[in-house]
Amino acid sequence: MKKIALFLSIILVFGLLVSCSKLINEGDIYEKEFKPEYTTVSVLPMTISNGKTVTTIMVPYTIHYPDRWIIYIKAYEEEKQEWLAEYFYVSKEVYDSVNIGDRFVFDESMGTRDEPYTKTRN
């Protein structure tokens, strides 16, 4: 019973922490950045089990990051009296169409919050 109560408490605390962080979709642009494409090779562990033994092997992956255009925005939250900031990876067209100081409203069709990359196993 104590384990269940502990587990539920951890879930509750985690849920509260996640709900406290606010993501903004609208704000003033304070910085723009271009990152050129590059490729890197990383070696990641892979675990294989046959039911009796477990073996870990190192597998090389090629990770390619394309050209990336990033827009940084900030917005003031009156309730907490603090600035919130966010950044978005957008298309070149969106990047070229806005300037620092402009009001920006992010839409999923413009890009993503996550850095774009492709990972392939060698």
PDB file of N, CA and C in Angstrom:
ATOM      1  N   MET A   1       0.814  -1.190   0.000  1.00  0.00           N
ATOM      2  CA  MET A   1       0.000   0.000   0.000  1.00  0.00           C
ATOM      3  C   MET A   1       0.861   1.258   0.000  1.00  0.00           C
ATOM      4  N   LYS A   2       1.971   1.202   0.752  1.00  0.00           N
ATOM      5  CA  LYS A   2       2.863   2.355   0.819  1.00  0.00           C
ATOM      6  C   LYS A   2       3.499   2.629  -0.540  1.00  0.00           C
ATOM      7  N   LYS A   3       3.809   1.551  -1.276  1.00  0.00           N
ATOM      8  CA  LYS A   3       4.411   1.721  -2.599  1.00  0.00           C
ATOM      9  C   LYS A   3       3.440   2.400  -3.553  1.00  0.00           C
ATOM     10  N   ILE A   4       2.182   2.049  -3.478  1.00  0.00           N
ATOM     11  CA  ILE A   4       1.171   2.662  -4.345  1.00  0.00           C
ATOM     12  C   ILE A   4       1.016   4.139  -4.001  1.00  0.00           C
ATOM     13  N   ALA A   5       0.981   4.450  -2.705  1.00  0.00           N
ATOM     14  CA  ALA A   5       0.862   5.843  -2.279  1.00  0.00           C
ATOM     15  C   ALA A   5       2.078   6.654  -2.727  1.00  0.00           C
ATOM     16  N   LEU A   6       3.270   6.071  -2.612  1.00  0.00           N
ATOM     17  CA  LEU A   6       4.479   6.746  -3.053  1.00  0.00           C
ATOM     18  C   LEU A   6       4.447   6.981  -4.562  1.00  0.00           C
ATOM     19  N   PHE A   7       4.046   5.970  -5.303  1.00  0.00           N
ATOM     20  CA  PHE A   7       3.966   6.090  -6.755  1.00  0.00           C
ATOM     21  C   PHE A   7       2.978   7.184  -7.162  1.00  0.00           C
ATOM     22  N   LEU A   8       1.809   7.196  -6.539  1.00  0.00           N
ATOM     23  CA  LEU A   8       0.807   8.221  -6.858  1.00  0.00           C
ATOM     24  C   LEU A   8       1.290   9.614  -6.471  1.00  0.00           C
ATOM     25  N   SER A   9       2.013   9.724  -5.384  1.00  0.00           N
ATOM     26  CA  SER A   9       2.571  11.014  -4.970  1.00  0.00           C
ATOM     27  C   SER A   9       3.576  11.525  -5.998  1.00  0.00           C
ATOM     28  N   ILE A  10       4.425  10.629  -6.480  1.00  0.00           N
ATOM     29  CA  ILE A  10       5.422  11.008  -7.491  1.00  0.00           C
ATOM     30  C   ILE A  10       4.728  11.465  -8.767  1.00  0.00           C
ATOM     31  N   ILE A  11       3.701  10.736  -9.189  1.00  0.00           N
ATOM     32  CA  ILE A  11       2.944  11.116 -10.383  1.00  0.00           C
ATOM     33  C   ILE A  11       2.298  12.484 -10.191  1.00  0.00           C
ATOM     34  N   LEU A  12       1.748  12.741  -9.025  1.00  0.00           N
ATOM     35  CA  LEU A  12       1.102  14.015  -8.740  1.00  0.00           C
ATOM     36  C   LEU A  12       2.101  15.167  -8.787  1.00  0.00           C
ATOM     37  N   VAL A  13       3.252  14.992  -8.150  1.00  0.00           N
ATOM     38  CA  VAL A  13       4.281  16.029  -8.149  1.00  0.00           C
ATOM     39  C   VAL A  13       4.773  16.287  -9.568  1.00  0.00           C
ATOM     40  N   PHE A  14       5.012  15.237 -10.315  1.00  0.00           N
ATOM     41  CA  PHE A  14       5.463  15.383 -11.702  1.00  0.00           C
ATOM     42  C   PHE A  14       4.415  16.126 -12.527  1.00  0.00           C
ATOM     43  N   GLY A  15       3.147  15.770 -12.340  1.00  0.00           N
ATOM     44  CA  GLY A  15       2.072  16.442 -13.071  1.00  0.00           C
ATOM     45  C   GLY A  15       2.000  17.919 -12.737  1.00  0.00           C
ATOM     46  N   LEU A  16       2.190  18.265 -11.473  1.00  0.00           N
ATOM     47  CA  LEU A  16       2.178  19.670 -11.077  1.00  0.00           C
ATOM     48  C   LEU A  16       3.348  20.432 -11.691  1.00  0.00           C
ATOM     49  N   LEU A  17       4.520  19.815 -11.701  1.00  0.00           N
ATOM     50  CA  LEU A  17       5.690  20.473 -12.290  1.00  0.00           C
ATOM     51  C   LEU A  17       5.504  20.704 -13.778  1.00  0.00           C
ATOM     52  N   VAL A  18       4.964  19.736 -14.472  1.00  0.00           N
ATOM     53  CA  VAL A  18       4.754  19.869 -15.913  1.00  0.00           C
ATOM     54  C   VAL A  18       3.701  20.926 -16.206  1.00  0.00           C
ATOM     55  N   SER A  19       2.640  20.959 -15.406  1.00  0.00           N
ATOM     56  CA  SER A  19       1.576  21.927 -15.660  1.00  0.00           C
ATOM     57  C   SER A  19       2.008  23.345 -15.329  1.00  0.00           C
ATOM     58  N   CYS A  20       3.025  23.516 -14.504  1.00  0.00           N
ATOM     59  CA  CYS A  20       3.489  24.854 -14.143  1.00  0.00           C
ATOM     60  C   CYS A  20       4.277  25.512 -15.273  1.00  0.00           C
ATOM     61  N   SER A  21       4.945  24.726 -16.087  1.00  0.00           N
ATOM     62  CA  SER A  21       5.720  25.313 -17.173  1.00  0.00           C
ATOM     63  C   SER A  21       4.778  25.697 -18.301  1.00  0.00           C
ATOM     64  N   LYS A  22       4.867  26.947 -18.719  1.00  0.00           N
ATOM     65  CA  LYS A  22       3.985  27.451 -19.757  1.00  0.00           C
ATOM     66  C   LYS A  22       4.764  27.608 -21.048  1.00  0.00           C
ATOM     67  N   LEU A  23       4.200  27.075 -22.112  1.00  0.00           N
ATOM     68  CA  LEU A  23       4.763  27.288 -23.421  1.00  0.00           C
ATOM     69  C   LEU A  23       3.993  28.426 -24.066  1.00  0.00           C
ATOM     70  N   ILE A  24       4.709  29.334 -24.678  1.00  0.00           N
ATOM     71  CA  ILE A  24       4.031  30.441 -25.336  1.00  0.00           C
ATOM     72  C   ILE A  24       4.069  30.241 -26.844  1.00  0.00           C
ATOM     73  N   ASN A  25       3.053  30.678 -27.514  1.00  0.00           N
ATOM     74  CA  ASN A  25       2.973  30.612 -28.969  1.00  0.00           C
ATOM     75  C   ASN A  25       2.980  31.993 -29.594  1.00  0.00           C
ATOM     76  N   GLU A  26       2.943  33.013 -28.766  1.00  0.00           N
ATOM     77  CA  GLU A  26       2.842  34.374 -29.266  1.00  0.00           C
ATOM     78  C   GLU A  26       3.741  35.279 -28.452  1.00  0.00           C
ATOM     79  N   GLY A  27       4.426  36.181 -29.136  1.00  0.00           N
ATOM     80  CA  GLY A  27       5.296  37.116 -28.440  1.00  0.00           C
ATOM     81  C   GLY A  27       6.062  37.984 -29.408  1.00  0.00           C
ATOM     82  N   ASP A  28       6.969  38.791 -28.875  1.00  0.00           N
ATOM     83  CA  ASP A  28       7.794  39.687 -29.682  1.00  0.00           C
ATOM     84  C   ASP A  28       9.113  38.995 -30.008  1.00  0.00           C
ATOM     85  N   ILE A  29       9.531  39.111 -31.259  1.00  0.00           N
ATOM     86  CA  ILE A  29      10.796  38.501 -31.685  1.00  0.00           C
ATOM     87  C   ILE A  29      11.947  39.333 -31.132  1.00  0.00           C
ATOM     88  N   TYR A  30      12.858  38.680 -30.396  1.00  0.00           N
ATOM     89  CA  TYR A  30      14.023  39.394 -29.871  1.00  0.00           C
ATOM     90  C   TYR A  30      15.336  38.901 -30.471  1.00  0.00           C
ATOM     91  N   GLU A  31      15.280  37.793 -31.223  1.00  0.00           N
ATOM     92  CA  GLU A  31      16.500  37.298 -31.873  1.00  0.00           C
ATOM     93  C   GLU A  31      16.127  36.331 -32.986  1.00  0.00           C
ATOM     94  N   LYS A  32      16.956  36.327 -34.013  1.00  0.00           N
ATOM     95  CA  LYS A  32      16.838  35.359 -35.114  1.00  0.00           C
ATOM     96  C   LYS A  32      18.213  34.731 -35.305  1.00  0.00           C
ATOM     97  N   GLU A  33      18.225  33.439 -35.658  1.00  0.00           N
ATOM     98  CA  GLU A  33      19.511  32.749 -35.813  1.00  0.00           C
ATOM     99  C   GLU A  33      19.417  31.733 -36.946  1.00  0.00           C
ATOM    100  N   PHE A  34      20.498  31.639 -37.710  1.00  0.00           N
ATOM    101  CA  PHE A  34      20.624  30.620 -38.752  1.00  0.00           C
ATOM    102  C   PHE A  34      21.723  29.657 -38.342  1.00  0.00           C
ATOM    103  N   LYS A  35      21.429  28.357 -38.414  1.00  0.00           N
ATOM    104  CA  LYS A  35      22.437  27.328 -38.143  1.00  0.00           C
ATOM    105  C   LYS A  35      22.608  26.505 -39.411  1.00  0.00           C
ATOM    106  N   PRO A  36      23.825  26.469 -39.968  1.00  0.00           N
ATOM    107  CA  PRO A  36      24.043  25.698 -41.201  1.00  0.00           C
ATOM    108  C   PRO A  36      23.998  24.193 -40.933  1.00  0.00           C
ATOM    109  N   GLU A  37      23.734  23.449 -41.992  1.00  0.00           N
ATOM    110  CA  GLU A  37      23.630  22.001 -41.860  1.00  0.00           C
ATOM    111  C   GLU A  37      24.984  21.377 -41.517  1.00  0.00           C
ATOM    112  N   TYR A  38      24.917  20.240 -40.848  1.00  0.00           N
ATOM    113  CA  TYR A  38      26.115  19.441 -40.588  1.00  0.00           C
ATOM    114  C   TYR A  38      25.693  18.013 -40.287  1.00  0.00           C
ATOM    115  N   THR A  39      26.657  17.122 -40.381  1.00  0.00           N
ATOM    116  CA  THR A  39      26.422  15.706 -40.118  1.00  0.00           C
ATOM    117  C   THR A  39      27.457  15.225 -39.114  1.00  0.00           C
ATOM    118  N   THR A  40      27.029  14.378 -38.215  1.00  0.00           N
ATOM    119  CA  THR A  40      27.928  13.821 -37.216  1.00  0.00           C
ATOM    120  C   THR A  40      27.635  12.325 -37.070  1.00  0.00           C
ATOM    121  N   VAL A  41      28.603  11.597 -36.560  1.00  0.00           N
ATOM    122  CA  VAL A  41      28.416  10.170 -36.299  1.00  0.00           C
ATOM    123  C   VAL A  41      28.519   9.956 -34.792  1.00  0.00           C
ATOM    124  N   SER A  42      27.526   9.271 -34.246  1.00  0.00           N
ATOM    125  CA  SER A  42      27.520   8.940 -32.822  1.00  0.00           C
ATOM    126  C   SER A  42      27.430   7.433 -32.668  1.00  0.00           C
ATOM    127  N   VAL A  43      28.010   6.936 -31.599  1.00  0.00           N
ATOM    128  CA  VAL A  43      27.950   5.508 -31.301  1.00  0.00           C
ATOM    129  C   VAL A  43      27.061   5.346 -30.070  1.00  0.00           C
ATOM    130  N   LEU A  44      25.958   4.595 -30.246  1.00  0.00           N
ATOM    131  CA  LEU A  44      24.991   4.403 -29.167  1.00  0.00           C
ATOM    132  C   LEU A  44      24.918   2.932 -28.770  1.00  0.00           C
ATOM    133  N   PRO A  45      24.723   2.654 -27.478  1.00  0.00           N
ATOM    134  CA  PRO A  45      24.627   1.252 -27.040  1.00  0.00           C
ATOM    135  C   PRO A  45      23.294   0.633 -27.438  1.00  0.00           C
ATOM    136  N   MET A  46      23.345  -0.660 -27.779  1.00  0.00           N
ATOM    137  CA  MET A  46      22.131  -1.420 -28.108  1.00  0.00           C
ATOM    138  C   MET A  46      22.204  -2.727 -27.339  1.00  0.00           C
ATOM    139  N   THR A  47      21.131  -3.052 -26.616  1.00  0.00           N
ATOM    140  CA  THR A  47      21.101  -4.254 -25.802  1.00  0.00           C
ATOM    141  C   THR A  47      20.337  -5.351 -26.528  1.00  0.00           C
ATOM    142  N   ILE A  48      20.940  -6.538 -26.582  1.00  0.00           N
ATOM    143  CA  ILE A  48      20.332  -7.693 -27.232  1.00  0.00           C
ATOM    144  C   ILE A  48      20.225  -8.813 -26.197  1.00  0.00           C
ATOM    145  N   SER A  49      19.041  -9.426 -26.127  1.00  0.00           N
ATOM    146  CA  SER A  49      18.836 -10.524 -25.184  1.00  0.00           C
ATOM    147  C   SER A  49      18.312 -11.745 -25.929  1.00  0.00           C
ATOM    148  N   ASN A  50      18.858 -12.924 -25.598  1.00  0.00           N
ATOM    149  CA  ASN A  50      18.351 -14.162 -26.191  1.00  0.00           C
ATOM    150  C   ASN A  50      17.542 -14.972 -25.171  1.00  0.00           C
ATOM    151  N   GLY A  51      17.235 -14.365 -24.056  1.00  0.00           N
ATOM    152  CA  GLY A  51      16.467 -15.041 -23.021  1.00  0.00           C
ATOM    153  C   GLY A  51      17.334 -15.537 -21.881  1.00  0.00           C
ATOM    154  N   LYS A  52      18.601 -15.828 -22.171  1.00  0.00           N
ATOM    155  CA  LYS A  52      19.507 -16.316 -21.134  1.00  0.00           C
ATOM    156  C   LYS A  52      20.584 -15.293 -20.802  1.00  0.00           C
ATOM    157  N   THR A  53      21.096 -14.647 -21.822  1.00  0.00           N
ATOM    158  CA  THR A  53      22.158 -13.666 -21.617  1.00  0.00           C
ATOM    159  C   THR A  53      21.780 -12.347 -22.275  1.00  0.00           C
ATOM    160  N   VAL A  54      22.389 -11.297 -21.776  1.00  0.00           N
ATOM    161  CA  VAL A  54      22.179  -9.961 -22.331  1.00  0.00           C
ATOM    162  C   VAL A  54      23.523  -9.455 -22.830  1.00  0.00           C
ATOM    163  N   THR A  55      23.529  -8.986 -24.064  1.00  0.00           N
ATOM    164  CA  THR A  55      24.753  -8.466 -24.664  1.00  0.00           C
ATOM    165  C   THR A  55      24.515  -7.023 -25.090  1.00  0.00           C
ATOM    166  N   THR A  56      25.483  -6.171 -24.832  1.00  0.00           N
ATOM    167  CA  THR A  56      25.399  -4.781 -25.265  1.00  0.00           C
ATOM    168  C   THR A  56      26.447  -4.566 -26.348  1.00  0.00           C
ATOM    169  N   ILE A  57      25.986  -4.057 -27.484  1.00  0.00           N
ATOM    170  CA  ILE A  57      26.910  -3.736 -28.572  1.00  0.00           C
ATOM    171  C   ILE A  57      26.799  -2.242 -28.861  1.00  0.00           C
ATOM    172  N   MET A  58      27.838  -1.688 -29.429  1.00  0.00           N
ATOM    173  CA  MET A  58      27.857  -0.274 -29.795  1.00  0.00           C
ATOM    174  C   MET A  58      27.536  -0.164 -31.281  1.00  0.00           C
ATOM    175  N   VAL A  59      26.518   0.637 -31.609  1.00  0.00           N
ATOM    176  CA  VAL A  59      26.056   0.770 -32.984  1.00  0.00           C
ATOM    177  C   VAL A  59      26.278   2.212 -33.446  1.00  0.00           C
ATOM    178  N   PRO A  60      26.962   2.400 -34.583  1.00  0.00           N
ATOM    179  CA  PRO A  60      27.159   3.765 -35.083  1.00  0.00           C
ATOM    180  C   PRO A  60      25.896   4.281 -35.790  1.00  0.00           C
ATOM    181  N   TYR A  61      25.576   5.545 -35.544  1.00  0.00           N
ATOM    182  CA  TYR A  61      24.461   6.229 -36.190  1.00  0.00           C
ATOM    183  C   TYR A  61      24.973   7.513 -36.827  1.00  0.00           C
ATOM    184  N   THR A  62      24.484   7.802 -38.008  1.00  0.00           N
ATOM    185  CA  THR A  62      24.776   9.083 -38.651  1.00  0.00           C
ATOM    186  C   THR A  62      23.609  10.002 -38.361  1.00  0.00           C
ATOM    187  N   ILE A  63      23.905  11.164 -37.808  1.00  0.00           N
ATOM    188  CA  ILE A  63      22.866  12.142 -37.487  1.00  0.00           C
ATOM    189  C   ILE A  63      23.103  13.366 -38.358  1.00  0.00           C
ATOM    190  N   HIS A  64      22.080  13.701 -39.161  1.00  0.00           N
ATOM    191  CA  HIS A  64      22.188  14.843 -40.074  1.00  0.00           C
ATOM    192  C   HIS A  64      21.242  15.952 -39.617  1.00  0.00           C
ATOM    193  N   TYR A  65      21.810  17.139 -39.419  1.00  0.00           N
ATOM    194  CA  TYR A  65      21.032  18.323 -39.087  1.00  0.00           C
ATOM    195  C   TYR A  65      20.977  19.202 -40.333  1.00  0.00           C
ATOM    196  N   PRO A  66      19.787  19.478 -40.869  1.00  0.00           N
ATOM    197  CA  PRO A  66      19.684  20.327 -42.054  1.00  0.00           C
ATOM    198  C   PRO A  66      19.884  21.799 -41.685  1.00  0.00           C
ATOM    199  N   ASP A  67      19.873  22.690 -42.678  1.00  0.00           N
ATOM    200  CA  ASP A  67      19.871  24.123 -42.390  1.00  0.00           C
ATOM    201  C   ASP A  67      18.693  24.419 -41.482  1.00  0.00           C
ATOM    202  N   ARG A  68      18.938  25.229 -40.440  1.00  0.00           N
ATOM    203  CA  ARG A  68      17.879  25.542 -39.489  1.00  0.00           C
ATOM    204  C   ARG A  68      17.769  27.048 -39.302  1.00  0.00           C
ATOM    205  N   TRP A  69      16.531  27.539 -39.316  1.00  0.00           N
ATOM    206  CA  TRP A  69      16.240  28.945 -39.087  1.00  0.00           C
ATOM    207  C   TRP A  69      15.444  29.026 -37.801  1.00  0.00           C
ATOM    208  N   ILE A  70      15.950  29.800 -36.841  1.00  0.00           N
ATOM    209  CA  ILE A  70      15.352  29.833 -35.501  1.00  0.00           C
ATOM    210  C   ILE A  70      14.874  31.245 -35.187  1.00  0.00           C
ATOM    211  N   ILE A  71      13.666  31.326 -34.632  1.00  0.00           N
ATOM    212  CA  ILE A  71      13.104  32.593 -34.182  1.00  0.00           C
ATOM    213  C   ILE A  71      12.895  32.493 -32.674  1.00  0.00           C
ATOM    214  N   TYR A  72      13.427  33.483 -31.940  1.00  0.00           N
ATOM    215  CA  TYR A  72      13.284  33.547 -30.488  1.00  0.00           C
ATOM    216  C   TYR A  72      12.249  34.620 -30.153  1.00  0.00           C
ATOM    217  N   ILE A  73      11.261  34.244 -29.310  1.00  0.00           N
ATOM    218  CA  ILE A  73      10.253  35.217 -28.903  1.00  0.00           C
ATOM    219  C   ILE A  73      10.192  35.310 -27.389  1.00  0.00           C
ATOM    220  N   LYS A  74       9.620  36.414 -26.916  1.00  0.00           N
ATOM    221  CA  LYS A  74       9.396  36.570 -25.478  1.00  0.00           C
ATOM    222  C   LYS A  74       8.056  37.267 -25.277  1.00  0.00           C
ATOM    223  N   ALA A  75       7.428  36.982 -24.144  1.00  0.00           N
ATOM    224  CA  ALA A  75       6.157  37.592 -23.778  1.00  0.00           C
ATOM    225  C   ALA A  75       6.145  37.780 -22.268  1.00  0.00           C
ATOM    226  N   TYR A  76       5.519  38.844 -21.823  1.00  0.00           N
ATOM    227  CA  TYR A  76       5.453  39.143 -20.395  1.00  0.00           C
ATOM    228  C   TYR A  76       4.176  38.555 -19.813  1.00  0.00           C
ATOM    229  N   GLU A  77       4.327  37.806 -18.725  1.00  0.00           N
ATOM    230  CA  GLU A  77       3.168  37.240 -18.048  1.00  0.00           C
ATOM    231  C   GLU A  77       2.852  38.093 -16.834  1.00  0.00           C
ATOM    232  N   GLU A  78       1.687  38.703 -16.881  1.00  0.00           N
ATOM    233  CA  GLU A  78       1.272  39.633 -15.828  1.00  0.00           C
ATOM    234  C   GLU A  78       1.117  38.946 -14.468  1.00  0.00           C
ATOM    235  N   GLU A  79       0.536  37.728 -14.460  1.00  0.00           N
ATOM    236  CA  GLU A  79       0.275  37.044 -13.194  1.00  0.00           C
ATOM    237  C   GLU A  79       1.547  36.815 -12.388  1.00  0.00           C
ATOM    238  N   LYS A  80       2.573  36.312 -13.042  1.00  0.00           N
ATOM    239  CA  LYS A  80       3.828  36.000 -12.350  1.00  0.00           C
ATOM    240  C   LYS A  80       4.824  37.147 -12.397  1.00  0.00           C
ATOM    241  N   GLN A  81       4.508  38.158 -13.178  1.00  0.00           N
ATOM    242  CA  GLN A  81       5.388  39.319 -13.342  1.00  0.00           C
ATOM    243  C   GLN A  81       6.778  38.883 -13.791  1.00  0.00           C
ATOM    244  N   GLU A  82       6.796  38.078 -14.878  1.00  0.00           N
ATOM    245  CA  GLU A  82       8.075  37.612 -15.415  1.00  0.00           C
ATOM    246  C   GLU A  82       7.974  37.435 -16.927  1.00  0.00           C
ATOM    247  N   TRP A  83       9.134  37.441 -17.561  1.00  0.00           N
ATOM    248  CA  TRP A  83       9.203  37.231 -19.002  1.00  0.00           C
ATOM    249  C   TRP A  83       9.286  35.735 -19.288  1.00  0.00           C
ATOM    250  N   LEU A  84       8.515  35.295 -20.263  1.00  0.00           N
ATOM    251  CA  LEU A  84       8.580  33.922 -20.745  1.00  0.00           C
ATOM    252  C   LEU A  84       9.217  33.959 -22.123  1.00  0.00           C
ATOM    253  N   ALA A  85      10.059  32.992 -22.417  1.00  0.00           N
ATOM    254  CA  ALA A  85      10.748  32.951 -23.713  1.00  0.00           C
ATOM    255  C   ALA A  85      10.554  31.582 -24.352  1.00  0.00           C
ATOM    256  N   GLU A  86      10.595  31.570 -25.660  1.00  0.00           N
ATOM    257  CA  GLU A  86      10.436  30.333 -26.425  1.00  0.00           C
ATOM    258  C   GLU A  86      11.158  30.514 -27.751  1.00  0.00           C
ATOM    259  N   TYR A  87      11.507  29.408 -28.385  1.00  0.00           N
ATOM    260  CA  TYR A  87      12.090  29.488 -29.719  1.00  0.00           C
ATOM    261  C   TYR A  87      11.457  28.438 -30.610  1.00  0.00           C
ATOM    262  N   PHE A  88      11.496  28.729 -31.920  1.00  0.00           N
ATOM    263  CA  PHE A  88      10.872  27.861 -32.901  1.00  0.00           C
ATOM    264  C   PHE A  88      11.798  27.670 -34.083  1.00  0.00           C
ATOM    265  N   TYR A  89      11.846  26.452 -34.603  1.00  0.00           N
ATOM    266  CA  TYR A  89      12.544  26.160 -35.849  1.00  0.00           C
ATOM    267  C   TYR A  89      11.526  26.348 -36.965  1.00  0.00           C
ATOM    268  N   VAL A  90      11.772  27.327 -37.823  1.00  0.00           N
ATOM    269  CA  VAL A  90      10.798  27.683 -38.856  1.00  0.00           C
ATOM    270  C   VAL A  90      11.413  27.522 -40.239  1.00  0.00           C
ATOM    271  N   SER A  91      10.566  27.635 -41.257  1.00  0.00           N
ATOM    272  CA  SER A  91      11.049  27.559 -42.638  1.00  0.00           C
ATOM    273  C   SER A  91      11.794  28.850 -42.995  1.00  0.00           C
ATOM    274  N   LYS A  92      12.579  28.793 -44.035  1.00  0.00           N
ATOM    275  CA  LYS A  92      13.326  29.967 -44.497  1.00  0.00           C
ATOM    276  C   LYS A  92      12.376  31.094 -44.871  1.00  0.00           C
ATOM    277  N   GLU A  93      11.239  30.745 -45.470  1.00  0.00           N
ATOM    278  CA  GLU A  93      10.273  31.757 -45.886  1.00  0.00           C
ATOM    279  C   GLU A  93       9.722  32.526 -44.681  1.00  0.00           C
ATOM    280  N   VAL A  94       9.389  31.808 -43.618  1.00  0.00           N
ATOM    281  CA  VAL A  94       8.889  32.460 -42.406  1.00  0.00           C
ATOM    282  C   VAL A  94       9.990  33.317 -41.799  1.00  0.00           C
ATOM    283  N   TYR A  95      11.196  32.777 -41.718  1.00  0.00           N
ATOM    284  CA  TYR A  95      12.346  33.484 -41.150  1.00  0.00           C
ATOM    285  C   TYR A  95      12.596  34.802 -41.879  1.00  0.00           C
ATOM    286  N   ASP A  96      12.544  34.752 -43.214  1.00  0.00           N
ATOM    287  CA  ASP A  96      12.809  35.953 -44.017  1.00  0.00           C
ATOM    288  C   ASP A  96      11.664  36.966 -43.958  1.00  0.00           C
ATOM    289  N   SER A  97      10.456  36.517 -43.593  1.00  0.00           N
ATOM    290  CA  SER A  97       9.305  37.415 -43.615  1.00  0.00           C
ATOM    291  C   SER A  97       9.117  38.219 -42.330  1.00  0.00           C
ATOM    292  N   VAL A  98       9.897  37.917 -41.281  1.00  0.00           N
ATOM    293  CA  VAL A  98       9.744  38.622 -40.006  1.00  0.00           C
ATOM    294  C   VAL A  98      11.052  39.311 -39.620  1.00  0.00           C
ATOM    295  N   ASN A  99      10.918  40.312 -38.753  1.00  0.00           N
ATOM    296  CA  ASN A  99      12.071  41.080 -38.275  1.00  0.00           C
ATOM    297  C   ASN A  99      12.080  41.109 -36.756  1.00  0.00           C
ATOM    298  N   ILE A 100      13.232  41.416 -36.185  1.00  0.00           N
ATOM    299  CA  ILE A 100      13.345  41.569 -34.736  1.00  0.00           C
ATOM    300  C   ILE A 100      12.441  42.721 -34.320  1.00  0.00           C
ATOM    301  N   GLY A 101      11.662  42.502 -33.272  1.00  0.00           N
ATOM    302  CA  GLY A 101      10.709  43.495 -32.792  1.00  0.00           C
ATOM    303  C   GLY A 101       9.282  43.247 -33.259  1.00  0.00           C
ATOM    304  N   ASP A 102       9.114  42.414 -34.297  1.00  0.00           N
ATOM    305  CA  ASP A 102       7.777  42.086 -34.796  1.00  0.00           C
ATOM    306  C   ASP A 102       7.032  41.203 -33.796  1.00  0.00           C
ATOM    307  N   ARG A 103       5.714  41.305 -33.844  1.00  0.00           N
ATOM    308  CA  ARG A 103       4.854  40.391 -33.079  1.00  0.00           C
ATOM    309  C   ARG A 103       4.773  39.096 -33.870  1.00  0.00           C
ATOM    310  N   PHE A 104       4.957  37.954 -33.217  1.00  0.00           N
ATOM    311  CA  PHE A 104       4.986  36.668 -33.900  1.00  0.00           C
ATOM    312  C   PHE A 104       4.002  35.728 -33.224  1.00  0.00           C
ATOM    313  N   VAL A 105       3.167  35.087 -34.043  1.00  0.00           N
ATOM    314  CA  VAL A 105       2.233  34.073 -33.557  1.00  0.00           C
ATOM    315  C   VAL A 105       2.594  32.769 -34.256  1.00  0.00           C
ATOM    316  N   PHE A 106       3.023  31.784 -33.467  1.00  0.00           N
ATOM    317  CA  PHE A 106       3.467  30.514 -34.026  1.00  0.00           C
ATOM    318  C   PHE A 106       2.282  29.634 -34.374  1.00  0.00           C
ATOM    319  N   ASP A 107       2.393  28.985 -35.526  1.00  0.00           N
ATOM    320  CA  ASP A 107       1.413  28.018 -36.003  1.00  0.00           C
ATOM    321  C   ASP A 107       2.197  26.768 -36.386  1.00  0.00           C
ATOM    322  N   GLU A 108       1.657  25.596 -36.115  1.00  0.00           N
ATOM    323  CA  GLU A 108       2.364  24.341 -36.400  1.00  0.00           C
ATOM    324  C   GLU A 108       2.771  24.209 -37.865  1.00  0.00           C
ATOM    325  N   SER A 109       2.069  24.867 -38.761  1.00  0.00           N
ATOM    326  CA  SER A 109       2.417  24.792 -40.184  1.00  0.00           C
ATOM    327  C   SER A 109       3.694  25.570 -40.504  1.00  0.00           C
ATOM    328  N   MET A 110       4.153  26.412 -39.588  1.00  0.00           N
ATOM    329  CA  MET A 110       5.362  27.222 -39.799  1.00  0.00           C
ATOM    330  C   MET A 110       6.641  26.467 -39.491  1.00  0.00           C
ATOM    331  N   GLY A 111       6.554  25.450 -38.632  1.00  0.00           N
ATOM    332  CA  GLY A 111       7.758  24.737 -38.226  1.00  0.00           C
ATOM    333  C   GLY A 111       7.496  23.890 -37.000  1.00  0.00           C
ATOM    334  N   THR A 112       8.499  23.859 -36.106  1.00  0.00           N
ATOM    335  CA  THR A 112       8.418  22.987 -34.939  1.00  0.00           C
ATOM    336  C   THR A 112       9.179  23.591 -33.764  1.00  0.00           C
ATOM    337  N   ARG A 113       8.893  23.092 -32.576  1.00  0.00           N
ATOM    338  CA  ARG A 113       9.654  23.488 -31.386  1.00  0.00           C
ATOM    339  C   ARG A 113      10.923  22.640 -31.243  1.00  0.00           C
ATOM    340  N   ASP A 114      10.909  21.455 -31.849  1.00  0.00           N
ATOM    341  CA  ASP A 114      12.035  20.529 -31.738  1.00  0.00           C
ATOM    342  C   ASP A 114      13.007  20.716 -32.889  1.00  0.00           C
ATOM    343  N   GLU A 115      14.287  20.561 -32.584  1.00  0.00           N
ATOM    344  CA  GLU A 115      15.307  20.694 -33.620  1.00  0.00           C
ATOM    345  C   GLU A 115      15.174  19.572 -34.643  1.00  0.00           C
ATOM    346  N   PRO A 116      15.092  19.920 -35.928  1.00  0.00           N
ATOM    347  CA  PRO A 116      14.942  18.880 -36.951  1.00  0.00           C
ATOM    348  C   PRO A 116      16.260  18.138 -37.201  1.00  0.00           C
ATOM    349  N   TYR A 117      16.173  16.826 -37.332  1.00  0.00           N
ATOM    350  CA  TYR A 117      17.340  16.006 -37.673  1.00  0.00           C
ATOM    351  C   TYR A 117      16.848  14.658 -38.178  1.00  0.00           C
ATOM    352  N   THR A 118      17.753  13.950 -38.842  1.00  0.00           N
ATOM    353  CA  THR A 118      17.472  12.566 -39.243  1.00  0.00           C
ATOM    354  C   THR A 118      18.590  11.695 -38.710  1.00  0.00           C
ATOM    355  N   LYS A 119      18.213  10.536 -38.193  1.00  0.00           N
ATOM    356  CA  LYS A 119      19.194   9.609 -37.637  1.00  0.00           C
ATOM    357  C   LYS A 119      19.083   8.303 -38.404  1.00  0.00           C
ATOM    358  N   THR A 120      20.199   7.852 -38.972  1.00  0.00           N
ATOM    359  CA  THR A 120      20.210   6.589 -39.710  1.00  0.00           C
ATOM    360  C   THR A 120      21.269   5.684 -39.122  1.00  0.00           C
ATOM    361  N   ARG A 121      20.935   4.405 -39.088  1.00  0.00           N
ATOM    362  CA  ARG A 121      21.872   3.405 -38.558  1.00  0.00           C
ATOM    363  C   ARG A 121      22.832   3.009 -39.672  1.00  0.00           C
ATOM    364  N   ASN A 122      24.108   2.989 -39.361  1.00  0.00           N
ATOM    365  CA  ASN A 122      25.127   2.634 -40.350  1.00  0.00           C
ATOM    366  C   ASN A 122      25.243   1.134 -40.509  1.00  0.00           C
TER     367      ASN A 122
END
